Amino acid sequence: MTDEELVVEFALIRLDHPDLDLEEIASLVVRRMGPDRMLELAALNLGTRDELRGAVFPAAVEHVLRVIFTLRGPAD
């Protein structure tokens, strides 16, 4: 899954659940992707951080958030 596809998935879930915070939306993204994609995202997080922090699910959520924040750009 590309970063752009991940952002689209994130945006669609955010439209459906506007009351959730970003971490909760990222959790929903990871849950909807299934175990194989979750492992893939956790592995990408491992590559980025050079370490695996915690369990697979939180690492995958962390990667989703990192992609979202990176593509959002710097804060004003």
Protein backbone atom coordinates (compact mmCIF):
# COMPACT_ATOMS: atom_id res chain seq x y z
CA MET A 1 0.00 0.00 0.00
CA THR A 2 1.37 3.39 -0.97
CA ASP A 3 1.37 6.42 1.29
CA GLU A 4 -1.22 8.04 -0.95
CA GLU A 5 -3.57 5.06 -0.61
CA LEU A 6 -3.06 5.16 3.13
CA VAL A 7 -3.99 8.85 3.24
CA VAL A 8 -7.13 8.22 1.18
CA GLU A 9 -8.18 5.40 3.52
CA PHE A 10 -7.50 7.64 6.51
CA ALA A 11 -9.54 10.49 4.99
CA LEU A 12 -12.49 8.24 4.20
CA ILE A 13 -12.61 6.89 7.74
CA ARG A 14 -12.27 10.40 9.13
CA LEU A 15 -15.29 11.49 7.06
CA ASP A 16 -17.30 8.63 8.55
CA HIS A 17 -16.12 9.33 12.12
CA PRO A 18 -15.46 13.09 12.49
CA ASP A 19 -15.67 12.92 16.30
CA LEU A 20 -12.66 10.60 16.68
CA ASP A 21 -9.13 11.85 17.28
CA LEU A 22 -6.33 11.07 14.83
CA GLU A 23 -4.95 8.09 16.77
CA GLU A 24 -8.39 6.47 16.95
CA ILE A 25 -8.82 6.96 13.21
CA ALA A 26 -5.39 5.44 12.58
CA SER A 27 -6.42 2.47 14.74
CA LEU A 28 -9.52 1.95 12.62
CA VAL A 29 -7.42 2.12 9.46
CA VAL A 30 -5.12 -0.60 10.75
CA ARG A 31 -8.01 -2.79 11.97
CA ARG A 32 -9.75 -2.62 8.59
CA MET A 33 -6.61 -3.65 6.74
CA GLY A 34 -6.31 -7.03 8.39
CA PRO A 35 -3.36 -8.87 9.92
CA ASP A 36 -1.14 -9.06 6.82
CA ARG A 37 -1.28 -5.32 6.16
CA MET A 38 -0.90 -4.63 9.88
CA LEU A 39 2.33 -6.60 9.87
CA GLU A 40 3.47 -4.75 6.74
CA LEU A 41 2.85 -1.37 8.39
CA ALA A 42 4.65 -2.47 11.56
CA ALA A 43 7.61 -3.59 9.44
CA LEU A 44 7.66 -0.18 7.74
CA ASN A 45 7.67 1.42 11.18
CA LEU A 46 10.59 -0.80 12.13
CA GLY A 47 12.46 0.38 9.04
CA THR A 48 11.78 4.01 9.86
CA ARG A 49 12.59 3.89 13.58
CA ASP A 50 15.27 1.19 13.43
CA GLU A 51 13.46 -0.53 16.28
CA LEU A 52 10.18 -2.29 16.92
CA ARG A 53 8.41 -0.48 19.74
CA GLY A 54 5.84 -2.62 21.48
CA ALA A 55 3.39 -4.92 19.81
CA VAL A 56 2.58 -5.08 16.11
CA PHE A 57 -0.73 -3.21 16.27
CA PRO A 58 0.60 -0.06 18.03
CA ALA A 59 3.62 -0.04 15.71
CA ALA A 60 1.31 -0.15 12.68
CA VAL A 61 -0.83 2.66 14.11
CA GLU A 62 2.32 4.70 14.73
CA HIS A 63 3.34 4.26 11.10
CA VAL A 64 -0.07 5.42 9.86
CA LEU A 65 0.16 8.53 12.02
CA ARG A 66 3.72 9.21 10.85
CA VAL A 67 2.60 9.08 7.21
CA ILE A 68 -0.37 11.37 7.88
CA PHE A 69 1.72 13.92 9.78
CA THR A 70 4.50 13.83 7.19
CA LEU A 71 2.14 14.45 4.30
CA ARG A 72 0.31 17.21 6.19
CA GLY A 73 3.51 19.22 6.23
CA PRO A 74 4.82 21.56 8.90
CA ALA A 75 2.43 23.10 11.39
CA ASP A 76 1.64 26.77 10.88
